[in-house]
């Protein structure tokens, strides 16, 4: 009834739409690559920040200050107080900027700085207020790729170079919200150190540790380790030294410098993934580096609460307006560590109104 060439041609024609629909499921997604010019540009930034910090250390500005020099209760006006650098990593509008404005409201800018890395390939409406002029030179980012590591390092280097008083560096996303007042966060970080030192003149980084999740016994550890190939991480990162953890953290100055000066592990973690479904470099690089270089200098837990119950496609639970009640804030603060959680994610943009409604009476009332 039909000749064979006609049938074959017709079948081929019908197959094109089907191939178009199924290709993304069959073929691995192509990740954004870090170009050589971008890499060299970052290295130049890292060198400038490292050299500036080296000169600072030679001046003994930070390196061996006694613990009481950074206490909020100090009565000596000549002692400059350390700052928290808030590093926003985003690829969309900062929907919760009004809530963060309230977080920073009536707080002297000599206690904090803000830096924003926004994906330049996405149109973003820049917020005003304390966020105005705080965008740094940025490059394209993509989830589950080394570009997020590069962006975080870029933020750290910029903050180190910008203000020598930046001591803690809090990496957060556009989906994060504060769970406490600024005063609570500042007092917790700077007046209740987790460790004491027997040294006569201890460094601040030995007393004030970093807050980063470091996990070594997760069931998906092996799949994530071999995502680039079974031997790809050797010899720099043997399996027993590989760690996973949260993408978001609070690093002290010593560890921020360690991150921007590091080259050896970066060469491994920037390799392309063969199994993209088990590859999340931004959740591997920082925990592995800190665990290998200074395991005692980090808490091994994060201060950013994330709800992984019912997660889909690697994304945590996203809170919706119907879930935003005072009880939720109280529940999100609770942790099994020394401190309560200070930030939380992930919230949908339409949660802004109910969050603002209870900001003063609930969120910022500690």
Foldseek 3Di string as FASTA:
>chain_A
DDDDVVVVVVVVVVCVVVCVVCVPVVDDDDDDAQDPVNVVVLLVLLVLLLVVVVVVVVVVLAFFDALVLQAPPDPDPVRQHAAEEEEEEEAEELLQVVQVCVLCPPPDCSHYAYAYAYAPVHDYDQDDDRRPPRYDDYHHDDFLACSLVSRVLSRLSCVSNPDVRHWKYWYDYSQKGFQAHNVVVSCVQRVDFPDDDPDPGHGPLLRRFKAWAWDLDDPLLQVQVCQAHNCLQPPVADSNLWTFTDLIIMGTSVLSSVSSPDDVNSVRLNHDTPRSLNGGSSGTVSNSSCCVPPVSRYPNHGLEFFAQVPDDSPHTDEDELVPDDLVVSVVQQDDPDPGTRGMYDGYDSVNNVVCVVCSVPHRHPD
